[in-house]
Amino acid sequence: MRDLAADLGVAVGTVQRAYRELEAGGIVTTRRRVGTIVADGAPTAPPQPQLQEAAHAFVARARADGMSDPAILGLVRGALLTT
């Protein structure tokens, strides 16, 4: 929690409170030796239609350019890490 608070530039208590609220809402569960994970059946926001269309177009274009599914996933993961 300290590392996350430092990364976000907020107080450790703020991060602790956010974790407690996420647990109370059933979004995450925290277990010793495992850490905090997204809870099974946690509610998710439905994807926006424009984003779904963009994702489908991206995959279609990448496949047309000869990229494999693992390579496409790697490209997306890389974008998530640098954005």
C-alpha atoms as a PDB file:
ATOM      1  CA  MET A   1       0.000   0.000   0.000  1.00  0.00           C
ATOM      2  CA  ARG A   2       2.898   2.317   0.708  1.00  0.00           C
ATOM      3  CA  ASP A   3       4.309   1.816  -2.779  1.00  0.00           C
ATOM      4  CA  LEU A   4       0.926   2.432  -4.391  1.00  0.00           C
ATOM      5  CA  ALA A   5       0.386   5.560  -2.297  1.00  0.00           C
ATOM      6  CA  ALA A   6       3.832   6.841  -3.305  1.00  0.00           C
ATOM      7  CA  ASP A   7       3.180   6.062  -6.984  1.00  0.00           C
ATOM      8  CA  LEU A   8      -0.143   7.898  -6.857  1.00  0.00           C
ATOM      9  CA  GLY A   9       1.118  10.738  -4.682  1.00  0.00           C
ATOM     10  CA  VAL A  10      -1.539  10.207  -2.021  1.00  0.00           C
ATOM     11  CA  ALA A  11      -1.491   9.335   1.670  1.00  0.00           C
ATOM     12  CA  VAL A  12      -1.267   5.682   2.716  1.00  0.00           C
ATOM     13  CA  GLY A  13      -4.542   6.112   4.639  1.00  0.00           C
ATOM     14  CA  THR A  14      -6.275   7.085   1.394  1.00  0.00           C
ATOM     15  CA  VAL A  15      -5.143   3.872  -0.271  1.00  0.00           C
ATOM     16  CA  GLN A  16      -6.174   1.815   2.772  1.00  0.00           C
ATOM     17  CA  ARG A  17      -9.623   3.396   2.743  1.00  0.00           C
ATOM     18  CA  ALA A  18     -10.010   2.738  -0.989  1.00  0.00           C
ATOM     19  CA  TYR A  19      -9.121  -0.926  -0.451  1.00  0.00           C
ATOM     20  CA  ARG A  20     -11.637  -1.200   2.435  1.00  0.00           C
ATOM     21  CA  GLU A  21     -14.382   0.341   0.297  1.00  0.00           C
ATOM     22  CA  LEU A  22     -13.593  -1.965  -2.628  1.00  0.00           C
ATOM     23  CA  GLU A  23     -13.759  -4.960  -0.272  1.00  0.00           C
ATOM     24  CA  ALA A  24     -17.031  -3.745   1.267  1.00  0.00           C
ATOM     25  CA  GLY A  25     -18.490  -3.390  -2.216  1.00  0.00           C
ATOM     26  CA  GLY A  26     -17.511  -6.932  -3.151  1.00  0.00           C
ATOM     27  CA  ILE A  27     -15.178  -5.749  -5.894  1.00  0.00           C
ATOM     28  CA  VAL A  28     -11.945  -7.170  -4.426  1.00  0.00           C
ATOM     29  CA  THR A  29     -10.971  -9.727  -1.825  1.00  0.00           C
ATOM     30  CA  THR A  30      -7.816  -9.705   0.244  1.00  0.00           C
ATOM     31  CA  ARG A  31      -6.196 -12.891   1.485  1.00  0.00           C
ATOM     32  CA  ARG A  32      -2.994 -13.416   3.387  1.00  0.00           C
ATOM     33  CA  ARG A  33      -0.110 -14.649   1.267  1.00  0.00           C
ATOM     34  CA  VAL A  34      -2.176 -14.062  -1.884  1.00  0.00           C
ATOM     35  CA  GLY A  35      -2.805 -10.332  -1.768  1.00  0.00           C
ATOM     36  CA  THR A  36      -5.734  -8.396  -3.122  1.00  0.00           C
ATOM     37  CA  ILE A  37      -7.498  -9.736  -6.199  1.00  0.00           C
ATOM     38  CA  VAL A  38     -10.642  -8.890  -8.126  1.00  0.00           C
ATOM     39  CA  ALA A  39     -13.528 -10.850  -6.625  1.00  0.00           C
ATOM     40  CA  ASP A  40     -15.320 -13.522  -8.608  1.00  0.00           C
ATOM     41  CA  GLY A  41     -18.507 -12.032  -9.969  1.00  0.00           C
ATOM     42  CA  ALA A  42     -17.345  -8.457  -9.360  1.00  0.00           C
ATOM     43  CA  PRO A  43     -19.525  -6.017 -11.247  1.00  0.00           C
ATOM     44  CA  THR A  44     -17.967  -4.570 -14.364  1.00  0.00           C
ATOM     45  CA  ALA A  45     -18.998  -1.628 -16.455  1.00  0.00           C
ATOM     46  CA  PRO A  46     -20.412  -2.639 -19.819  1.00  0.00           C
ATOM     47  CA  PRO A  47     -18.053  -1.725 -22.648  1.00  0.00           C
ATOM     48  CA  GLN A  48     -19.057   1.251 -24.727  1.00  0.00           C
ATOM     49  CA  PRO A  49     -20.211   0.301 -28.239  1.00  0.00           C
ATOM     50  CA  GLN A  50     -17.636   2.601 -29.887  1.00  0.00           C
ATOM     51  CA  LEU A  51     -14.824   0.955 -27.921  1.00  0.00           C
ATOM     52  CA  GLN A  52     -16.047  -2.509 -28.860  1.00  0.00           C
ATOM     53  CA  GLU A  53     -16.132  -1.497 -32.520  1.00  0.00           C
ATOM     54  CA  ALA A  54     -12.630  -0.018 -32.280  1.00  0.00           C
ATOM     55  CA  ALA A  55     -11.318  -3.183 -30.617  1.00  0.00           C
ATOM     56  CA  HIS A  56     -12.858  -5.387 -33.304  1.00  0.00           C
ATOM     57  CA  ALA A  57     -11.451  -3.153 -36.051  1.00  0.00           C
ATOM     58  CA  PHE A  58      -8.004  -3.228 -34.424  1.00  0.00           C
ATOM     59  CA  VAL A  59      -7.982  -7.035 -34.185  1.00  0.00           C
ATOM     60  CA  ALA A  60      -9.220  -7.404 -37.764  1.00  0.00           C
ATOM     61  CA  ARG A  61      -6.517  -5.035 -39.054  1.00  0.00           C
ATOM     62  CA  ALA A  62      -3.780  -6.720 -37.015  1.00  0.00           C
ATOM     63  CA  ARG A  63      -4.823 -10.167 -38.261  1.00  0.00           C
ATOM     64  CA  ALA A  64      -4.990  -8.875 -41.841  1.00  0.00           C
ATOM     65  CA  ASP A  65      -1.420  -7.642 -41.395  1.00  0.00           C
ATOM     66  CA  GLY A  66      -0.432 -11.190 -40.419  1.00  0.00           C
ATOM     67  CA  MET A  67      -0.138 -10.774 -36.655  1.00  0.00           C
ATOM     68  CA  SER A  68      -0.877 -13.772 -34.433  1.00  0.00           C
ATOM     69  CA  ASP A  69      -3.295 -13.494 -31.510  1.00  0.00           C
ATOM     70  CA  PRO A  70      -0.453 -13.693 -28.944  1.00  0.00           C
ATOM     71  CA  ALA A  71       1.359 -10.891 -30.794  1.00  0.00           C
ATOM     72  CA  ILE A  72      -1.811  -8.778 -30.802  1.00  0.00           C
ATOM     73  CA  LEU A  73      -2.238  -9.328 -27.061  1.00  0.00           C
ATOM     74  CA  GLY A  74       1.397  -8.383 -26.540  1.00  0.00           C
ATOM     75  CA  LEU A  75       0.837  -5.150 -28.438  1.00  0.00           C
ATOM     76  CA  VAL A  76      -2.172  -4.293 -26.272  1.00  0.00           C
ATOM     77  CA  ARG A  77      -0.324  -5.179 -23.058  1.00  0.00           C
ATOM     78  CA  GLY A  78       2.557  -2.967 -24.122  1.00  0.00           C
ATOM     79  CA  ALA A  79       0.170  -0.086 -24.763  1.00  0.00           C
ATOM     80  CA  LEU A  80      -1.427  -0.575 -21.336  1.00  0.00           C
ATOM     81  CA  LEU A  81       1.951  -0.427 -19.655  1.00  0.00           C
ATOM     82  CA  THR A  82       3.034   2.755 -21.413  1.00  0.00           C
ATOM     83  CA  THR A  83      -0.198   4.690 -21.234  1.00  0.00           C
END
